[in-house]
């Protein structure tokens, strides 16, 4: 049996969690102090996901960049592919919070959205 150690980010406590497993099968999870910790450990071991946040260049806007993020977490293995798509992106102003910049980015089933409104320069 193998062990994987994690520091939980499910709540502010930062519990040290140990996952005992055989291959991809979880045998035991210890060290968590709440249901969030157990859920975090299971998900992080079986299918780790992250929300991707960054900025994108915006033309003729009151600011040169607009912050964007994935609406939901994407599989960790797809992050580089998502960032490759985002790196080629350039938007036209105006944009609003919640505007979908790219639906289903990199085939993840998750939309990339604006997280700030930027007006067009007059």
PDB file of N, CA and C in Angstrom:
ATOM      1  N   UNK A   1       0.837  -1.174   0.000  1.00  0.00           N
ATOM      2  CA  UNK A   1       0.000   0.000   0.000  1.00  0.00           C
ATOM      3  C   UNK A   1       0.890   1.249   0.000  1.00  0.00           C
ATOM      4  N   UNK A   2       0.486   2.232  -0.782  1.00  0.00           N
ATOM      5  CA  UNK A   2       1.237   3.479  -0.889  1.00  0.00           C
ATOM      6  C   UNK A   2       0.538   4.578  -0.096  1.00  0.00           C
ATOM      7  N   UNK A   3       1.260   5.687   0.137  1.00  0.00           N
ATOM      8  CA  UNK A   3       0.688   6.835   0.833  1.00  0.00           C
ATOM      9  C   UNK A   3       0.919   8.104   0.031  1.00  0.00           C
ATOM     10  N   UNK A   4      -0.083   8.958   0.056  1.00  0.00           N
ATOM     11  CA  UNK A   4       0.039  10.292  -0.529  1.00  0.00           C
ATOM     12  C   UNK A   4      -0.375  11.274   0.550  1.00  0.00           C
ATOM     13  N   UNK A   5       0.444  12.299   0.760  1.00  0.00           N
ATOM     14  CA  UNK A   5       0.156  13.296   1.784  1.00  0.00           C
ATOM     15  C   UNK A   5      -0.268  14.600   1.113  1.00  0.00           C
ATOM     16  N   UNK A   6      -1.280  15.244   1.692  1.00  0.00           N
ATOM     17  CA  UNK A   6      -1.819  16.501   1.182  1.00  0.00           C
ATOM     18  C   UNK A   6      -1.994  17.477   2.341  1.00  0.00           C
ATOM     19  N   UNK A   7      -1.979  18.742   2.032  1.00  0.00           N
ATOM     20  CA  UNK A   7      -2.407  19.774   2.967  1.00  0.00           C
ATOM     21  C   UNK A   7      -3.755  20.250   2.432  1.00  0.00           C
ATOM     22  N   UNK A   8      -4.780  20.114   3.240  1.00  0.00           N
ATOM     23  CA  UNK A   8      -6.138  20.429   2.813  1.00  0.00           C
ATOM     24  C   UNK A   8      -6.319  21.938   2.623  1.00  0.00           C
ATOM     25  N   UNK A   9      -7.041  22.305   1.569  1.00  0.00           N
ATOM     26  CA  UNK A   9      -7.391  23.702   1.332  1.00  0.00           C
ATOM     27  C   UNK A   9      -8.910  23.888   1.391  1.00  0.00           C
ATOM     28  N   UNK A  10      -9.603  22.891   1.953  1.00  0.00           N
ATOM     29  CA  UNK A  10     -11.062  22.931   2.043  1.00  0.00           C
ATOM     30  C   UNK A  10     -11.583  23.958   3.031  1.00  0.00           C
ATOM     31  N   UNK A  11     -10.798  24.292   4.031  1.00  0.00           N
ATOM     32  CA  UNK A  11     -11.155  25.318   5.017  1.00  0.00           C
ATOM     33  C   UNK A  11      -9.846  25.905   5.563  1.00  0.00           C
ATOM     34  N   UNK A  12      -9.908  26.918   6.403  1.00  0.00           N
ATOM     35  CA  UNK A  12      -8.683  27.573   6.891  1.00  0.00           C
ATOM     36  C   UNK A  12      -7.780  26.736   7.805  1.00  0.00           C
ATOM     37  N   UNK A  13      -8.225  25.597   8.291  1.00  0.00           N
ATOM     38  CA  UNK A  13      -7.422  24.802   9.224  1.00  0.00           C
ATOM     39  C   UNK A  13      -6.147  24.235   8.594  1.00  0.00           C
ATOM     40  N   UNK A  14      -6.162  23.883   7.332  1.00  0.00           N
ATOM     41  CA  UNK A  14      -4.979  23.341   6.657  1.00  0.00           C
ATOM     42  C   UNK A  14      -4.527  22.011   7.214  1.00  0.00           C
ATOM     43  N   UNK A  15      -5.457  21.083   7.354  1.00  0.00           N
ATOM     44  CA  UNK A  15      -5.150  19.765   7.926  1.00  0.00           C
ATOM     45  C   UNK A  15      -4.163  18.984   7.061  1.00  0.00           C
ATOM     46  N   UNK A  16      -3.317  18.207   7.722  1.00  0.00           N
ATOM     47  CA  UNK A  16      -2.407  17.288   7.031  1.00  0.00           C
ATOM     48  C   UNK A  16      -3.161  15.977   6.811  1.00  0.00           C
ATOM     49  N   UNK A  17      -3.422  15.672   5.562  1.00  0.00           N
ATOM     50  CA  UNK A  17      -4.221  14.498   5.219  1.00  0.00           C
ATOM     51  C   UNK A  17      -3.315  13.440   4.607  1.00  0.00           C
ATOM     52  N   UNK A  18      -3.556  12.195   4.982  1.00  0.00           N
ATOM     53  CA  UNK A  18      -2.839  11.060   4.416  1.00  0.00           C
ATOM     54  C   UNK A  18      -3.838  10.159   3.703  1.00  0.00           C
ATOM     55  N   UNK A  19      -3.530   9.834   2.458  1.00  0.00           N
ATOM     56  CA  UNK A  19      -4.352   8.916   1.673  1.00  0.00           C
ATOM     57  C   UNK A  19      -3.553   7.643   1.484  1.00  0.00           C
ATOM     58  N   UNK A  20      -4.064   6.544   2.001  1.00  0.00           N
ATOM     59  CA  UNK A  20      -3.445   5.239   1.771  1.00  0.00           C
ATOM     60  C   UNK A  20      -4.184   4.616   0.592  1.00  0.00           C
ATOM     61  N   UNK A  21      -3.397   4.165  -0.407  1.00  0.00           N
ATOM     62  CA  UNK A  21      -4.025   3.671  -1.635  1.00  0.00           C
ATOM     63  C   UNK A  21      -3.228   2.538  -2.245  1.00  0.00           C
ATOM     64  N   UNK A  22      -3.912   1.819  -3.085  1.00  0.00           N
ATOM     65  CA  UNK A  22      -3.293   0.795  -3.909  1.00  0.00           C
ATOM     66  C   UNK A  22      -3.595   1.203  -5.345  1.00  0.00           C
ATOM     67  N   UNK A  23      -2.573   1.686  -6.041  1.00  0.00           N
ATOM     68  CA  UNK A  23      -2.806   2.214  -7.387  1.00  0.00           C
ATOM     69  C   UNK A  23      -3.737   3.398  -7.310  1.00  0.00           C
ATOM     70  N   UNK A  24      -4.858   3.334  -8.028  1.00  0.00           N
ATOM     71  CA  UNK A  24      -5.850   4.419  -8.038  1.00  0.00           C
ATOM     72  C   UNK A  24      -7.001   4.169  -7.079  1.00  0.00           C
ATOM     73  N   UNK A  25      -6.907   3.108  -6.278  1.00  0.00           N
ATOM     74  CA  UNK A  25      -7.961   2.773  -5.332  1.00  0.00           C
ATOM     75  C   UNK A  25      -7.611   3.290  -3.937  1.00  0.00           C
ATOM     76  N   UNK A  26      -8.498   4.130  -3.386  1.00  0.00           N
ATOM     77  CA  UNK A  26      -8.293   4.668  -2.042  1.00  0.00           C
ATOM     78  C   UNK A  26      -8.699   3.604  -1.024  1.00  0.00           C
ATOM     79  N   UNK A  27      -7.789   3.316  -0.098  1.00  0.00           N
ATOM     80  CA  UNK A  27      -8.078   2.365   0.975  1.00  0.00           C
ATOM     81  C   UNK A  27      -8.483   3.072   2.259  1.00  0.00           C
ATOM     82  N   UNK A  28      -7.835   4.220   2.539  1.00  0.00           N
ATOM     83  CA  UNK A  28      -8.103   4.927   3.785  1.00  0.00           C
ATOM     84  C   UNK A  28      -7.664   6.381   3.661  1.00  0.00           C
ATOM     85  N   UNK A  29      -8.448   7.266   4.262  1.00  0.00           N
ATOM     86  CA  UNK A  29      -8.095   8.682   4.325  1.00  0.00           C
ATOM     87  C   UNK A  29      -8.117   9.086   5.793  1.00  0.00           C
ATOM     88  N   UNK A  30      -7.017   9.669   6.272  1.00  0.00           N
ATOM     89  CA  UNK A  30      -6.932  10.104   7.672  1.00  0.00           C
ATOM     90  C   UNK A  30      -6.384  11.527   7.735  1.00  0.00           C
ATOM     91  N   UNK A  31      -6.634  12.179   8.876  1.00  0.00           N
ATOM     92  CA  UNK A  31      -6.071  13.501   9.126  1.00  0.00           C
ATOM     93  C   UNK A  31      -7.015  14.653   8.859  1.00  0.00           C
ATOM     94  N   UNK A  32      -8.143  14.408   8.236  1.00  0.00           N
ATOM     95  CA  UNK A  32      -9.085  15.495   7.970  1.00  0.00           C
ATOM     96  C   UNK A  32      -9.952  15.711   9.207  1.00  0.00           C
ATOM     97  N   UNK A  33     -10.421  16.946   9.394  1.00  0.00           N
ATOM     98  CA  UNK A  33     -11.240  17.272  10.571  1.00  0.00           C
ATOM     99  C   UNK A  33     -12.643  17.740  10.222  1.00  0.00           C
ATOM    100  N   UNK A  34     -12.986  17.701   8.934  1.00  0.00           N
ATOM    101  CA  UNK A  34     -14.342  18.096   8.544  1.00  0.00           C
ATOM    102  C   UNK A  34     -14.703  17.407   7.233  1.00  0.00           C
ATOM    103  N   UNK A  35     -15.968  17.493   6.870  1.00  0.00           N
ATOM    104  CA  UNK A  35     -16.428  16.873   5.630  1.00  0.00           C
ATOM    105  C   UNK A  35     -15.757  17.492   4.400  1.00  0.00           C
ATOM    106  N   UNK A  36     -15.439  18.798   4.483  1.00  0.00           N
ATOM    107  CA  UNK A  36     -14.741  19.452   3.370  1.00  0.00           C
ATOM    108  C   UNK A  36     -13.391  18.787   3.115  1.00  0.00           C
ATOM    109  N   UNK A  37     -12.705  18.422   4.188  1.00  0.00           N
ATOM    110  CA  UNK A  37     -11.399  17.783   4.067  1.00  0.00           C
ATOM    111  C   UNK A  37     -11.480  16.425   3.403  1.00  0.00           C
ATOM    112  N   UNK A  38     -12.467  15.644   3.797  1.00  0.00           N
ATOM    113  CA  UNK A  38     -12.653  14.330   3.191  1.00  0.00           C
ATOM    114  C   UNK A  38     -12.963  14.466   1.699  1.00  0.00           C
ATOM    115  N   UNK A  39     -13.868  15.370   1.367  1.00  0.00           N
ATOM    116  CA  UNK A  39     -14.252  15.589  -0.034  1.00  0.00           C
ATOM    117  C   UNK A  39     -13.057  16.095  -0.848  1.00  0.00           C
ATOM    118  N   UNK A  40     -12.312  17.052  -0.274  1.00  0.00           N
ATOM    119  CA  UNK A  40     -11.129  17.585  -0.948  1.00  0.00           C
ATOM    120  C   UNK A  40     -10.127  16.472  -1.239  1.00  0.00           C
ATOM    121  N   UNK A  41      -9.835  15.638  -0.253  1.00  0.00           N
ATOM    122  CA  UNK A  41      -8.850  14.566  -0.422  1.00  0.00           C
ATOM    123  C   UNK A  41      -9.286  13.581  -1.503  1.00  0.00           C
ATOM    124  N   UNK A  42     -10.551  13.184  -1.467  1.00  0.00           N
ATOM    125  CA  UNK A  42     -11.061  12.252  -2.485  1.00  0.00           C
ATOM    126  C   UNK A  42     -10.935  12.842  -3.882  1.00  0.00           C
ATOM    127  N   UNK A  43     -11.373  14.087  -4.033  1.00  0.00           N
ATOM    128  CA  UNK A  43     -11.327  14.736  -5.357  1.00  0.00           C
ATOM    129  C   UNK A  43      -9.899  14.994  -5.819  1.00  0.00           C
ATOM    130  N   UNK A  44      -9.049  15.437  -4.906  1.00  0.00           N
ATOM    131  CA  UNK A  44      -7.658  15.734  -5.270  1.00  0.00           C
ATOM    132  C   UNK A  44      -6.915  14.471  -5.689  1.00  0.00           C
ATOM    133  N   UNK A  45      -7.251  13.362  -5.108  1.00  0.00           N
ATOM    134  CA  UNK A  45      -6.600  12.101  -5.464  1.00  0.00           C
ATOM    135  C   UNK A  45      -7.145  11.535  -6.765  1.00  0.00           C
ATOM    136  N   UNK A  46      -8.457  11.553  -6.947  1.00  0.00           N
ATOM    137  CA  UNK A  46      -9.064  10.898  -8.111  1.00  0.00           C
ATOM    138  C   UNK A  46      -9.099  11.777  -9.354  1.00  0.00           C
ATOM    139  N   UNK A  47      -9.430  13.053  -9.181  1.00  0.00           N
ATOM    140  CA  UNK A  47      -9.539  13.949 -10.339  1.00  0.00           C
ATOM    141  C   UNK A  47      -9.291  15.395  -9.916  1.00  0.00           C
ATOM    142  N   UNK A  48      -8.023  15.778  -9.757  1.00  0.00           N
ATOM    143  CA  UNK A  48      -7.717  17.137  -9.298  1.00  0.00           C
ATOM    144  C   UNK A  48      -8.160  18.186 -10.316  1.00  0.00           C
ATOM    145  N   UNK A  49      -8.777  19.247  -9.802  1.00  0.00           N
ATOM    146  CA  UNK A  49      -9.272  20.335 -10.646  1.00  0.00           C
ATOM    147  C   UNK A  49      -8.857  21.669 -10.061  1.00  0.00           C
ATOM    148  N   UNK A  50      -8.768  22.673 -10.928  1.00  0.00           N
ATOM    149  CA  UNK A  50      -8.430  24.025 -10.503  1.00  0.00           C
ATOM    150  C   UNK A  50      -9.227  25.033 -11.330  1.00  0.00           C
ATOM    151  N   UNK A  51      -9.530  26.182 -10.706  1.00  0.00           N
ATOM    152  CA  UNK A  51     -10.078  27.311 -11.450  1.00  0.00           C
ATOM    153  C   UNK A  51      -8.881  28.059 -12.013  1.00  0.00           C
ATOM    154  N   UNK A  52      -8.932  28.390 -13.291  1.00  0.00           N
ATOM    155  CA  UNK A  52      -7.840  29.113 -13.954  1.00  0.00           C
ATOM    156  C   UNK A  52      -8.197  30.599 -13.972  1.00  0.00           C
ATOM    157  N   UNK A  53      -7.296  31.433 -13.451  1.00  0.00           N
ATOM    158  CA  UNK A  53      -7.488  32.885 -13.476  1.00  0.00           C
ATOM    159  C   UNK A  53      -6.273  33.527 -14.120  1.00  0.00           C
ATOM    160  N   UNK A  54      -6.516  34.543 -14.928  1.00  0.00           N
ATOM    161  CA  UNK A  54      -5.427  35.256 -15.594  1.00  0.00           C
ATOM    162  C   UNK A  54      -5.980  36.572 -16.142  1.00  0.00           C
ATOM    163  N   UNK A  55      -5.209  37.234 -16.981  1.00  0.00           N
ATOM    164  CA  UNK A  55      -5.674  38.442 -17.652  1.00  0.00           C
ATOM    165  C   UNK A  55      -5.506  38.289 -19.153  1.00  0.00           C
ATOM    166  N   UNK A  56      -6.301  39.070 -19.878  1.00  0.00           N
ATOM    167  CA  UNK A  56      -6.277  39.050 -21.342  1.00  0.00           C
ATOM    168  C   UNK A  56      -6.187  40.491 -21.831  1.00  0.00           C
ATOM    169  N   UNK A  57      -5.431  40.700 -22.889  1.00  0.00           N
ATOM    170  CA  UNK A  57      -5.312  42.037 -23.478  1.00  0.00           C
ATOM    171  C   UNK A  57      -6.671  42.463 -24.023  1.00  0.00           C
ATOM    172  N   UNK A  58      -6.995  43.741 -23.801  1.00  0.00           N
ATOM    173  CA  UNK A  58      -8.247  44.285 -24.324  1.00  0.00           C
ATOM    174  C   UNK A  58      -7.944  45.556 -25.113  1.00  0.00           C
ATOM    175  N   UNK A  59      -8.468  45.642 -26.311  1.00  0.00           N
ATOM    176  CA  UNK A  59      -8.230  46.793 -27.197  1.00  0.00           C
ATOM    177  C   UNK A  59      -9.246  47.901 -26.930  1.00  0.00           C
ATOM    178  N   UNK A  60      -8.772  49.134 -26.944  1.00  0.00           N
ATOM    179  CA  UNK A  60      -9.587  50.344 -26.803  1.00  0.00           C
ATOM    180  C   UNK A  60     -10.368  50.371 -25.494  1.00  0.00           C
ATOM    181  N   UNK A  61      -9.798  49.779 -24.459  1.00  0.00           N
ATOM    182  CA  UNK A  61     -10.461  49.779 -23.158  1.00  0.00           C
ATOM    183  C   UNK A  61      -9.861  50.812 -22.225  1.00  0.00           C
ATOM    184  N   UNK A  62     -10.575  51.102 -21.147  1.00  0.00           N
ATOM    185  CA  UNK A  62     -10.073  52.050 -20.146  1.00  0.00           C
ATOM    186  C   UNK A  62      -8.894  51.458 -19.365  1.00  0.00           C
ATOM    187  N   UNK A  63      -8.713  50.149 -19.462  1.00  0.00           N
ATOM    188  CA  UNK A  63      -7.551  49.447 -18.912  1.00  0.00           C
ATOM    189  C   UNK A  63      -6.960  48.570 -20.011  1.00  0.00           C
ATOM    190  N   UNK A  64      -5.677  48.262 -19.943  1.00  0.00           N
ATOM    191  CA  UNK A  64      -5.056  47.470 -21.011  1.00  0.00           C
ATOM    192  C   UNK A  64      -5.356  45.962 -20.946  1.00  0.00           C
ATOM    193  N   UNK A  65      -5.765  45.486 -19.770  1.00  0.00           N
ATOM    194  CA  UNK A  65      -6.045  44.059 -19.590  1.00  0.00           C
ATOM    195  C   UNK A  65      -7.352  43.886 -18.830  1.00  0.00           C
ATOM    196  N   UNK A  66      -8.007  42.761 -19.073  1.00  0.00           N
ATOM    197  CA  UNK A  66      -9.214  42.419 -18.342  1.00  0.00           C
ATOM    198  C   UNK A  66      -8.988  41.073 -17.641  1.00  0.00           C
ATOM    199  N   UNK A  67      -9.362  40.970 -16.349  1.00  0.00           N
ATOM    200  CA  UNK A  67      -9.228  39.691 -15.668  1.00  0.00           C
ATOM    201  C   UNK A  67     -10.307  38.705 -16.149  1.00  0.00           C
ATOM    202  N   UNK A  68      -9.892  37.451 -16.300  1.00  0.00           N
ATOM    203  CA  UNK A  68     -10.803  36.387 -16.724  1.00  0.00           C
ATOM    204  C   UNK A  68     -10.566  35.161 -15.845  1.00  0.00           C
ATOM    205  N   UNK A  69     -11.551  34.258 -15.819  1.00  0.00           N
ATOM    206  CA  UNK A  69     -11.401  33.000 -15.088  1.00  0.00           C
ATOM    207  C   UNK A  69     -12.319  31.963 -15.701  1.00  0.00           C
ATOM    208  N   UNK A  70     -12.014  30.711 -15.418  1.00  0.00           N
ATOM    209  CA  UNK A  70     -12.930  29.662 -15.830  1.00  0.00           C
ATOM    210  C   UNK A  70     -14.104  29.689 -14.851  1.00  0.00           C
ATOM    211  N   UNK A  71     -15.301  29.520 -15.388  1.00  0.00           N
ATOM    212  CA  UNK A  71     -16.509  29.592 -14.557  1.00  0.00           C
ATOM    213  C   UNK A  71     -16.515  28.505 -13.478  1.00  0.00           C
ATOM    214  N   UNK A  72     -15.914  27.365 -13.815  1.00  0.00           N
ATOM    215  CA  UNK A  72     -15.806  26.245 -12.883  1.00  0.00           C
ATOM    216  C   UNK A  72     -14.378  25.714 -12.954  1.00  0.00           C
ATOM    217  N   UNK A  73     -14.050  24.842 -12.052  1.00  0.00           N
ATOM    218  CA  UNK A  73     -12.725  24.226 -12.055  1.00  0.00           C
ATOM    219  C   UNK A  73     -12.597  23.284 -13.251  1.00  0.00           C
ATOM    220  N   UNK A  74     -11.389  23.245 -13.822  1.00  0.00           N
ATOM    221  CA  UNK A  74     -11.102  22.339 -14.942  1.00  0.00           C
ATOM    222  C   UNK A  74     -10.088  21.292 -14.478  1.00  0.00           C
ATOM    223  N   UNK A  75     -10.083  20.163 -15.141  1.00  0.00           N
ATOM    224  CA  UNK A  75      -9.113  19.114 -14.800  1.00  0.00           C
ATOM    225  C   UNK A  75      -7.710  19.683 -14.859  1.00  0.00           C
ATOM    226  N   UNK A  76      -6.920  19.371 -13.854  1.00  0.00           N
ATOM    227  CA  UNK A  76      -5.558  19.891 -13.743  1.00  0.00           C
ATOM    228  C   UNK A  76      -4.727  19.580 -14.988  1.00  0.00           C
ATOM    229  N   UNK A  77      -4.951  18.428 -15.585  1.00  0.00           N
ATOM    230  CA  UNK A  77      -4.184  18.029 -16.770  1.00  0.00           C
ATOM    231  C   UNK A  77      -4.493  18.894 -17.995  1.00  0.00           C
ATOM    232  N   UNK A  78      -5.594  19.654 -17.969  1.00  0.00           N
ATOM    233  CA  UNK A  78      -5.977  20.496 -19.105  1.00  0.00           C
ATOM    234  C   UNK A  78      -5.540  21.954 -18.950  1.00  0.00           C
ATOM    235  N   UNK A  79      -4.932  22.306 -17.813  1.00  0.00           N
ATOM    236  CA  UNK A  79      -4.605  23.709 -17.552  1.00  0.00           C
ATOM    237  C   UNK A  79      -3.667  24.297 -18.600  1.00  0.00           C
ATOM    238  N   UNK A  80      -2.638  23.577 -18.997  1.00  0.00           N
ATOM    239  CA  UNK A  80      -1.709  24.121 -19.997  1.00  0.00           C
ATOM    240  C   UNK A  80      -2.393  24.333 -21.341  1.00  0.00           C
ATOM    241  N   UNK A  81      -3.289  23.441 -21.705  1.00  0.00           N
ATOM    242  CA  UNK A  81      -4.045  23.593 -22.948  1.00  0.00           C
ATOM    243  C   UNK A  81      -4.971  24.813 -22.865  1.00  0.00           C
ATOM    244  N   UNK A  82      -5.621  24.998 -21.722  1.00  0.00           N
ATOM    245  CA  UNK A  82      -6.475  26.163 -21.509  1.00  0.00           C
ATOM    246  C   UNK A  82      -5.651  27.442 -21.608  1.00  0.00           C
ATOM    247  N   UNK A  83      -4.487  27.475 -20.958  1.00  0.00           N
ATOM    248  CA  UNK A  83      -3.642  28.670 -20.993  1.00  0.00           C
ATOM    249  C   UNK A  83      -3.102  28.957 -22.393  1.00  0.00           C
ATOM    250  N   UNK A  84      -2.849  27.918 -23.172  1.00  0.00           N
ATOM    251  CA  UNK A  84      -2.377  28.106 -24.550  1.00  0.00           C
ATOM    252  C   UNK A  84      -3.444  28.831 -25.380  1.00  0.00           C
ATOM    253  N   UNK A  85      -4.708  28.442 -25.195  1.00  0.00           N
ATOM    254  CA  UNK A  85      -5.816  29.108 -25.896  1.00  0.00           C
ATOM    255  C   UNK A  85      -5.924  30.556 -25.430  1.00  0.00           C
ATOM    256  N   UNK A  86      -5.856  30.771 -24.120  1.00  0.00           N
ATOM    257  CA  UNK A  86      -5.988  32.121 -23.563  1.00  0.00           C
ATOM    258  C   UNK A  86      -4.845  33.023 -24.033  1.00  0.00           C
ATOM    259  N   UNK A  87      -3.637  32.485 -24.156  1.00  0.00           N
ATOM    260  CA  UNK A  87      -2.475  33.305 -24.525  1.00  0.00           C
ATOM    261  C   UNK A  87      -2.612  33.924 -25.913  1.00  0.00           C
ATOM    262  N   UNK A  88      -3.440  33.357 -26.758  1.00  0.00           N
ATOM    263  CA  UNK A  88      -3.639  33.882 -28.119  1.00  0.00           C
ATOM    264  C   UNK A  88      -4.819  34.852 -28.203  1.00  0.00           C
ATOM    265  N   UNK A  89      -5.470  35.067 -27.084  1.00  0.00           N
ATOM    266  CA  UNK A  89      -6.713  35.834 -27.056  1.00  0.00           C
ATOM    267  C   UNK A  89      -6.457  37.329 -26.914  1.00  0.00           C
ATOM    268  N   UNK A  90      -7.262  38.113 -27.624  1.00  0.00           N
ATOM    269  CA  UNK A  90      -7.260  39.568 -27.508  1.00  0.00           C
ATOM    270  C   UNK A  90      -8.711  40.005 -27.667  1.00  0.00           C
ATOM    271  N   UNK A  91      -9.211  40.771 -26.720  1.00  0.00           N
ATOM    272  CA  UNK A  91     -10.622  41.157 -26.722  1.00  0.00           C
ATOM    273  C   UNK A  91     -10.806  42.592 -27.176  1.00  0.00           C
ATOM    274  N   UNK A  92     -12.030  42.890 -27.598  1.00  0.00           N
ATOM    275  CA  UNK A  92     -12.421  44.249 -27.953  1.00  0.00           C
ATOM    276  C   UNK A  92     -13.334  44.773 -26.847  1.00  0.00           C
ATOM    277  N   UNK A  93     -13.107  46.016 -26.436  1.00  0.00           N
ATOM    278  CA  UNK A  93     -13.957  46.609 -25.411  1.00  0.00           C
ATOM    279  C   UNK A  93     -15.266  47.071 -26.066  1.00  0.00           C
ATOM    280  N   UNK A  94     -16.322  47.221 -25.318  1.00  0.00           N
ATOM    281  CA  UNK A  94     -16.470  47.037 -23.887  1.00  0.00           C
ATOM    282  C   UNK A  94     -16.769  45.570 -23.545  1.00  0.00           C
ATOM    283  N   UNK A  95     -16.499  45.202 -22.289  1.00  0.00           N
ATOM    284  CA  UNK A  95     -16.867  43.886 -21.762  1.00  0.00           C
ATOM    285  C   UNK A  95     -17.495  44.083 -20.389  1.00  0.00           C
ATOM    286  N   UNK A  96     -18.321  43.117 -19.994  1.00  0.00           N
ATOM    287  CA  UNK A  96     -18.986  43.184 -18.693  1.00  0.00           C
ATOM    288  C   UNK A  96     -18.647  41.948 -17.873  1.00  0.00           C
ATOM    289  N   UNK A  97     -18.735  42.092 -16.564  1.00  0.00           N
ATOM    290  CA  UNK A  97     -18.559  40.956 -15.662  1.00  0.00           C
ATOM    291  C   UNK A  97     -19.528  39.853 -16.086  1.00  0.00           C
ATOM    292  N   UNK A  98     -19.009  38.651 -16.213  1.00  0.00           N
ATOM    293  CA  UNK A  98     -19.843  37.505 -16.568  1.00  0.00           C
ATOM    294  C   UNK A  98     -19.927  37.227 -18.052  1.00  0.00           C
ATOM    295  N   UNK A  99     -19.438  38.162 -18.901  1.00  0.00           N
ATOM    296  CA  UNK A  99     -19.441  37.898 -20.349  1.00  0.00           C
ATOM    297  C   UNK A  99     -18.643  36.633 -20.633  1.00  0.00           C
ATOM    298  N   UNK A 100     -19.197  35.752 -21.455  1.00  0.00           N
ATOM    299  CA  UNK A 100     -18.480  34.544 -21.850  1.00  0.00           C
ATOM    300  C   UNK A 100     -17.490  34.926 -22.944  1.00  0.00           C
ATOM    301  N   UNK A 101     -16.215  34.734 -22.659  1.00  0.00           N
ATOM    302  CA  UNK A 101     -15.150  35.061 -23.595  1.00  0.00           C
ATOM    303  C   UNK A 101     -14.950  33.896 -24.567  1.00  0.00           C
ATOM    304  N   UNK A 102     -14.861  32.687 -24.027  1.00  0.00           N
ATOM    305  CA  UNK A 102     -14.734  31.472 -24.837  1.00  0.00           C
ATOM    306  C   UNK A 102     -15.600  30.390 -24.185  1.00  0.00           C
ATOM    307  N   UNK A 103     -16.653  29.957 -24.894  1.00  0.00           N
ATOM    308  CA  UNK A 103     -17.430  28.845 -24.338  1.00  0.00           C
ATOM    309  C   UNK A 103     -16.655  27.534 -24.496  1.00  0.00           C
ATOM    310  N   UNK A 104     -16.810  26.639 -23.549  1.00  0.00           N
ATOM    311  CA  UNK A 104     -16.203  25.301 -23.646  1.00  0.00           C
ATOM    312  C   UNK A 104     -14.713  25.378 -23.995  1.00  0.00           C
ATOM    313  N   UNK A 105     -13.981  26.161 -23.238  1.00  0.00           N
ATOM    314  CA  UNK A 105     -12.567  26.386 -23.557  1.00  0.00           C
ATOM    315  C   UNK A 105     -11.783  25.074 -23.577  1.00  0.00           C
ATOM    316  N   UNK A 106     -11.047  24.872 -24.624  1.00  0.00           N
ATOM    317  CA  UNK A 106     -10.177  23.702 -24.830  1.00  0.00           C
ATOM    318  C   UNK A 106     -10.937  22.384 -24.642  1.00  0.00           C
ATOM    319  N   UNK A 107     -12.228  22.394 -24.963  1.00  0.00           N
ATOM    320  CA  UNK A 107     -13.022  21.171 -24.872  1.00  0.00           C
ATOM    321  C   UNK A 107     -13.266  20.689 -23.454  1.00  0.00           C
ATOM    322  N   UNK A 108     -13.170  21.589 -22.477  1.00  0.00           N
ATOM    323  CA  UNK A 108     -13.330  21.204 -21.073  1.00  0.00           C
ATOM    324  C   UNK A 108     -14.789  21.172 -20.625  1.00  0.00           C
ATOM    325  N   UNK A 109     -15.674  21.801 -21.411  1.00  0.00           N
ATOM    326  CA  UNK A 109     -17.066  21.932 -20.988  1.00  0.00           C
ATOM    327  C   UNK A 109     -17.268  23.118 -20.063  1.00  0.00           C
ATOM    328  N   UNK A 110     -16.221  23.920 -19.859  1.00  0.00           N
ATOM    329  CA  UNK A 110     -16.255  25.067 -18.944  1.00  0.00           C
ATOM    330  C   UNK A 110     -16.017  26.347 -19.743  1.00  0.00           C
ATOM    331  N   UNK A 111     -16.800  27.385 -19.426  1.00  0.00           N
ATOM    332  CA  UNK A 111     -16.657  28.670 -20.105  1.00  0.00           C
ATOM    333  C   UNK A 111     -15.599  29.543 -19.442  1.00  0.00           C
ATOM    334  N   UNK A 112     -14.913  30.354 -20.260  1.00  0.00           N
ATOM    335  CA  UNK A 112     -14.013  31.391 -19.759  1.00  0.00           C
ATOM    336  C   UNK A 112     -14.817  32.674 -19.720  1.00  0.00           C
ATOM    337  N   UNK A 113     -14.825  33.367 -18.557  1.00  0.00           N
ATOM    338  CA  UNK A 113     -15.650  34.557 -18.386  1.00  0.00           C
ATOM    339  C   UNK A 113     -14.832  35.738 -17.881  1.00  0.00           C
ATOM    340  N   UNK A 114     -15.329  36.950 -18.167  1.00  0.00           N
ATOM    341  CA  UNK A 114     -14.721  38.176 -17.641  1.00  0.00           C
ATOM    342  C   UNK A 114     -15.094  38.331 -16.179  1.00  0.00           C
ATOM    343  N   UNK A 115     -14.176  38.859 -15.388  1.00  0.00           N
ATOM    344  CA  UNK A 115     -14.472  39.093 -13.977  1.00  0.00           C
ATOM    345  C   UNK A 115     -14.438  40.576 -13.622  1.00  0.00           C
ATOM    346  N   UNK A 116     -14.390  41.406 -14.646  1.00  0.00           N
ATOM    347  CA  UNK A 116     -14.452  42.856 -14.440  1.00  0.00           C
ATOM    348  C   UNK A 116     -15.036  43.502 -15.692  1.00  0.00           C
ATOM    349  N   UNK A 117     -15.792  44.555 -15.486  1.00  0.00           N
ATOM    350  CA  UNK A 117     -16.313  45.320 -16.624  1.00  0.00           C
ATOM    351  C   UNK A 117     -15.269  46.347 -17.041  1.00  0.00           C
ATOM    352  N   UNK A 118     -15.067  46.453 -18.336  1.00  0.00           N
ATOM    353  CA  UNK A 118     -14.126  47.452 -18.891  1.00  0.00           C
ATOM    354  C   UNK A 118     -14.881  48.225 -19.968  1.00  0.00           C
ATOM    355  N   UNK A 119     -14.903  49.563 -19.826  1.00  0.00           N
ATOM    356  CA  UNK A 119     -15.559  50.407 -20.809  1.00  0.00           C
ATOM    357  C   UNK A 119     -14.650  50.692 -21.987  1.00  0.00           C
ATOM    358  N   UNK A 120     -15.252  51.079 -23.085  1.00  0.00           N
ATOM    359  CA  UNK A 120     -14.497  51.456 -24.281  1.00  0.00           C
ATOM    360  C   UNK A 120     -14.045  52.908 -24.122  1.00  0.00           C
ATOM    361  N   UNK A 121     -12.814  53.182 -24.518  1.00  0.00           N
ATOM    362  CA  UNK A 121     -12.297  54.549 -24.496  1.00  0.00           C
ATOM    363  C   UNK A 121     -13.001  55.336 -25.581  1.00  0.00           C
ATOM    364  N   UNK A 122     -13.508  56.498 -25.201  1.00  0.00           N
ATOM    365  CA  UNK A 122     -14.264  57.341 -26.168  1.00  0.00           C
ATOM    366  C   UNK A 122     -13.346  58.087 -27.089  1.00  0.00           C
TER     367      UNK A 122
END
